[in-house]
Amino acid sequence: TGGRRLGHAGQLCRWTHDVNPTQAFCNKALSDRYVSRLLRLAWLAPDVLERLVMRREPCAISLYDLCFVASLPWDEQPARVFD
């Protein structure tokens, strides 16, 4: 579900400070494709990550689309994610 996926994205944020995120995901038995998609979320703007993970603000787009937004400049991301 979307909530579980957002939870995994939150775990990714915490893991990047503690351990190798790839190792952490391997321990969760997730598919390579799914892990690859979540790792792209690491390129989201810090304010977007904070709003999604810490404040749990609703996202206006799908997780799939969120991965593509991560490739945009940081100043453009909030409008694409939350509007």
N, C-alpha and C. Protein backbone atom coordinates (compact mmCIF):
# COMPACT_ATOMS: atom_id res chain seq x y z
N THR A 1 0.83 -1.19 0.00
CA THR A 1 0.00 0.00 0.00
C THR A 1 0.87 1.25 0.00
N GLY A 2 0.26 2.39 -0.29
CA GLY A 2 1.00 3.65 -0.33
C GLY A 2 1.58 4.02 1.02
N GLY A 3 0.82 3.75 2.10
CA GLY A 3 1.31 4.07 3.43
C GLY A 3 2.55 3.28 3.80
N ARG A 4 2.55 2.00 3.43
CA ARG A 4 3.71 1.16 3.72
C ARG A 4 4.91 1.63 2.91
N ARG A 5 4.66 2.01 1.66
CA ARG A 5 5.76 2.50 0.82
C ARG A 5 6.33 3.80 1.36
N LEU A 6 5.46 4.68 1.83
CA LEU A 6 5.94 5.93 2.43
C LEU A 6 6.74 5.61 3.68
N GLY A 7 6.32 4.60 4.43
CA GLY A 7 7.08 4.16 5.60
C GLY A 7 8.46 3.68 5.21
N HIS A 8 8.55 2.96 4.10
CA HIS A 8 9.85 2.50 3.62
C HIS A 8 10.71 3.69 3.22
N ALA A 9 10.11 4.71 2.62
CA ALA A 9 10.85 5.92 2.25
C ALA A 9 11.38 6.60 3.51
N GLY A 10 10.58 6.61 4.57
CA GLY A 10 11.02 7.18 5.84
C GLY A 10 12.18 6.39 6.42
N GLN A 11 12.10 5.07 6.31
CA GLN A 11 13.19 4.24 6.79
C GLN A 11 14.45 4.54 6.00
N LEU A 12 14.32 4.76 4.71
CA LEU A 12 15.47 5.08 3.87
C LEU A 12 16.15 6.34 4.39
N CYS A 13 15.37 7.35 4.75
CA CYS A 13 15.93 8.59 5.28
C CYS A 13 16.73 8.33 6.55
N ARG A 14 16.20 7.50 7.42
CA ARG A 14 16.91 7.19 8.67
C ARG A 14 18.14 6.34 8.40
N TRP A 15 18.04 5.38 7.49
CA TRP A 15 19.16 4.48 7.21
C TRP A 15 20.34 5.21 6.59
N THR A 16 20.08 6.24 5.81
CA THR A 16 21.18 6.94 5.15
C THR A 16 22.11 7.58 6.17
N HIS A 17 21.62 7.76 7.39
CA HIS A 17 22.47 8.34 8.43
C HIS A 17 23.17 7.26 9.25
N ASP A 18 22.66 6.04 9.24
CA ASP A 18 23.18 5.00 10.12
C ASP A 18 23.96 3.91 9.40
N VAL A 19 23.39 3.36 8.35
CA VAL A 19 24.01 2.21 7.67
C VAL A 19 23.85 2.38 6.17
N ASN A 20 24.41 1.44 5.46
CA ASN A 20 24.28 1.40 4.01
C ASN A 20 22.83 1.05 3.68
N PRO A 21 22.10 1.94 2.97
CA PRO A 21 20.68 1.67 2.72
C PRO A 21 20.45 0.43 1.87
N THR A 22 21.38 0.11 0.97
CA THR A 22 21.21 -1.08 0.15
C THR A 22 21.23 -2.33 1.02
N GLN A 23 22.13 -2.39 1.97
CA GLN A 23 22.18 -3.53 2.89
C GLN A 23 20.90 -3.61 3.72
N ALA A 24 20.42 -2.48 4.16
CA ALA A 24 19.21 -2.47 4.97
C ALA A 24 18.02 -3.00 4.16
N PHE A 25 17.91 -2.60 2.91
CA PHE A 25 16.82 -3.08 2.07
C PHE A 25 16.97 -4.56 1.75
N CYS A 26 18.20 -5.03 1.58
CA CYS A 26 18.41 -6.46 1.32
C CYS A 26 17.89 -7.28 2.49
N ASN A 27 18.07 -6.78 3.69
CA ASN A 27 17.58 -7.48 4.87
C ASN A 27 16.06 -7.54 4.92
N LYS A 28 15.37 -6.66 4.19
CA LYS A 28 13.91 -6.63 4.17
C LYS A 28 13.33 -7.50 3.05
N ALA A 29 14.17 -8.12 2.23
CA ALA A 29 13.73 -8.99 1.14
C ALA A 29 12.82 -8.27 0.16
N LEU A 30 13.19 -7.07 -0.25
CA LEU A 30 12.43 -6.30 -1.24
C LEU A 30 13.05 -6.51 -2.61
N SER A 31 12.26 -6.36 -3.65
CA SER A 31 12.76 -6.57 -5.01
C SER A 31 13.76 -5.49 -5.39
N ASP A 32 14.68 -5.82 -6.29
CA ASP A 32 15.67 -4.86 -6.77
C ASP A 32 15.00 -3.66 -7.42
N ARG A 33 13.94 -3.91 -8.17
CA ARG A 33 13.25 -2.82 -8.85
C ARG A 33 12.64 -1.84 -7.84
N TYR A 34 12.04 -2.38 -6.80
CA TYR A 34 11.43 -1.55 -5.77
C TYR A 34 12.49 -0.75 -5.03
N VAL A 35 13.59 -1.40 -4.68
CA VAL A 35 14.68 -0.73 -3.98
C VAL A 35 15.25 0.38 -4.85
N SER A 36 15.43 0.11 -6.13
CA SER A 36 15.95 1.12 -7.05
C SER A 36 15.04 2.34 -7.10
N ARG A 37 13.74 2.10 -7.14
CA ARG A 37 12.77 3.20 -7.16
C ARG A 37 12.85 4.02 -5.87
N LEU A 38 12.94 3.34 -4.74
CA LEU A 38 13.01 4.06 -3.47
C LEU A 38 14.31 4.83 -3.32
N LEU A 39 15.41 4.28 -3.83
CA LEU A 39 16.68 4.99 -3.73
C LEU A 39 16.64 6.30 -4.52
N ARG A 40 15.86 6.33 -5.59
CA ARG A 40 15.71 7.59 -6.34
C ARG A 40 15.07 8.67 -5.48
N LEU A 41 14.27 8.26 -4.51
CA LEU A 41 13.62 9.23 -3.64
C LEU A 41 14.63 9.97 -2.76
N ALA A 42 15.84 9.43 -2.63
CA ALA A 42 16.87 10.11 -1.86
C ALA A 42 17.26 11.44 -2.50
N TRP A 43 16.92 11.64 -3.78
CA TRP A 43 17.25 12.87 -4.49
C TRP A 43 16.14 13.91 -4.38
N LEU A 44 15.11 13.62 -3.61
CA LEU A 44 14.08 14.64 -3.39
C LEU A 44 14.64 15.77 -2.53
N ALA A 45 14.11 16.95 -2.74
CA ALA A 45 14.54 18.13 -1.97
C ALA A 45 14.32 17.87 -0.49
N PRO A 46 15.21 18.36 0.36
CA PRO A 46 15.06 18.14 1.81
C PRO A 46 13.71 18.62 2.35
N ASP A 47 13.20 19.74 1.86
CA ASP A 47 11.92 20.22 2.37
C ASP A 47 10.77 19.31 1.94
N VAL A 48 10.87 18.70 0.75
CA VAL A 48 9.85 17.75 0.30
C VAL A 48 9.88 16.50 1.19
N LEU A 49 11.07 15.98 1.45
CA LEU A 49 11.19 14.81 2.32
C LEU A 49 10.65 15.10 3.71
N GLU A 50 10.96 16.26 4.23
CA GLU A 50 10.47 16.61 5.57
C GLU A 50 8.95 16.66 5.60
N ARG A 51 8.37 17.28 4.59
CA ARG A 51 6.90 17.39 4.55
C ARG A 51 6.24 16.03 4.40
N LEU A 52 6.84 15.15 3.60
CA LEU A 52 6.26 13.81 3.38
C LEU A 52 6.45 12.90 4.58
N VAL A 53 7.67 12.84 5.08
CA VAL A 53 8.01 11.84 6.09
C VAL A 53 7.74 12.31 7.51
N MET A 54 8.17 13.51 7.83
CA MET A 54 8.04 13.98 9.20
C MET A 54 6.65 14.55 9.49
N ARG A 55 6.15 15.38 8.58
CA ARG A 55 4.85 16.01 8.79
C ARG A 55 3.70 15.17 8.25
N ARG A 56 4.03 14.16 7.43
CA ARG A 56 3.05 13.26 6.82
C ARG A 56 1.98 14.01 6.02
N GLU A 57 2.42 15.03 5.29
CA GLU A 57 1.51 15.76 4.42
C GLU A 57 1.14 14.88 3.22
N PRO A 58 -0.09 14.94 2.78
CA PRO A 58 -0.50 14.11 1.64
C PRO A 58 0.19 14.56 0.35
N CYS A 59 0.51 13.59 -0.43
CA CYS A 59 1.19 13.81 -1.71
C CYS A 59 0.13 13.81 -2.82
N ALA A 60 0.26 14.74 -3.76
CA ALA A 60 -0.73 14.86 -4.84
C ALA A 60 -0.44 13.94 -6.01
N ILE A 61 0.68 13.20 -5.97
CA ILE A 61 1.06 12.32 -7.08
C ILE A 61 1.39 10.93 -6.54
N SER A 62 1.52 9.98 -7.44
CA SER A 62 1.82 8.60 -7.05
C SER A 62 3.30 8.44 -6.70
N LEU A 63 3.63 7.34 -6.04
CA LEU A 63 5.02 7.04 -5.73
C LEU A 63 5.83 6.91 -7.01
N TYR A 64 5.24 6.33 -8.03
CA TYR A 64 5.91 6.18 -9.33
C TYR A 64 6.29 7.55 -9.88
N ASP A 65 5.34 8.50 -9.87
CA ASP A 65 5.61 9.85 -10.37
C ASP A 65 6.59 10.60 -9.48
N LEU A 66 6.54 10.31 -8.19
CA LEU A 66 7.45 10.95 -7.25
C LEU A 66 8.91 10.64 -7.59
N CYS A 67 9.15 9.45 -8.09
CA CYS A 67 10.51 9.08 -8.50
C CYS A 67 11.01 9.96 -9.63
N PHE A 68 10.13 10.33 -10.54
CA PHE A 68 10.52 11.20 -11.65
C PHE A 68 10.70 12.64 -11.19
N VAL A 69 9.91 13.06 -10.23
CA VAL A 69 10.04 14.42 -9.69
C VAL A 69 11.41 14.59 -9.03
N ALA A 70 11.95 13.51 -8.49
CA ALA A 70 13.25 13.58 -7.82
C ALA A 70 14.36 14.05 -8.76
N SER A 71 14.17 13.91 -10.07
CA SER A 71 15.20 14.35 -11.01
C SER A 71 15.09 15.84 -11.35
N LEU A 72 14.04 16.50 -10.88
CA LEU A 72 13.85 17.93 -11.12
C LEU A 72 14.70 18.75 -10.15
N PRO A 73 14.96 20.03 -10.48
CA PRO A 73 15.65 20.90 -9.51
C PRO A 73 14.82 21.02 -8.23
N TRP A 74 15.51 21.14 -7.10
CA TRP A 74 14.85 21.15 -5.80
C TRP A 74 13.79 22.23 -5.69
N ASP A 75 14.03 23.40 -6.27
CA ASP A 75 13.06 24.49 -6.11
C ASP A 75 11.76 24.23 -6.86
N GLU A 76 11.75 23.32 -7.83
CA GLU A 76 10.54 22.98 -8.60
C GLU A 76 9.75 21.83 -7.98
N GLN A 77 10.38 21.05 -7.13
CA GLN A 77 9.77 19.83 -6.62
C GLN A 77 8.53 20.06 -5.74
N PRO A 78 8.54 20.98 -4.78
CA PRO A 78 7.35 21.11 -3.91
C PRO A 78 6.06 21.37 -4.68
N ALA A 79 6.12 22.21 -5.69
CA ALA A 79 4.90 22.51 -6.46
C ALA A 79 4.39 21.27 -7.18
N ARG A 80 5.29 20.43 -7.67
CA ARG A 80 4.88 19.21 -8.38
C ARG A 80 4.34 18.15 -7.43
N VAL A 81 4.86 18.11 -6.22
CA VAL A 81 4.49 17.06 -5.27
C VAL A 81 3.21 17.40 -4.51
N PHE A 82 3.03 18.65 -4.12
CA PHE A 82 1.95 19.00 -3.21
C PHE A 82 0.81 19.79 -3.84
N ASP A 83 0.95 20.27 -5.05
CA ASP A 83 -0.12 21.07 -5.67
C ASP A 83 -0.95 20.24 -6.63
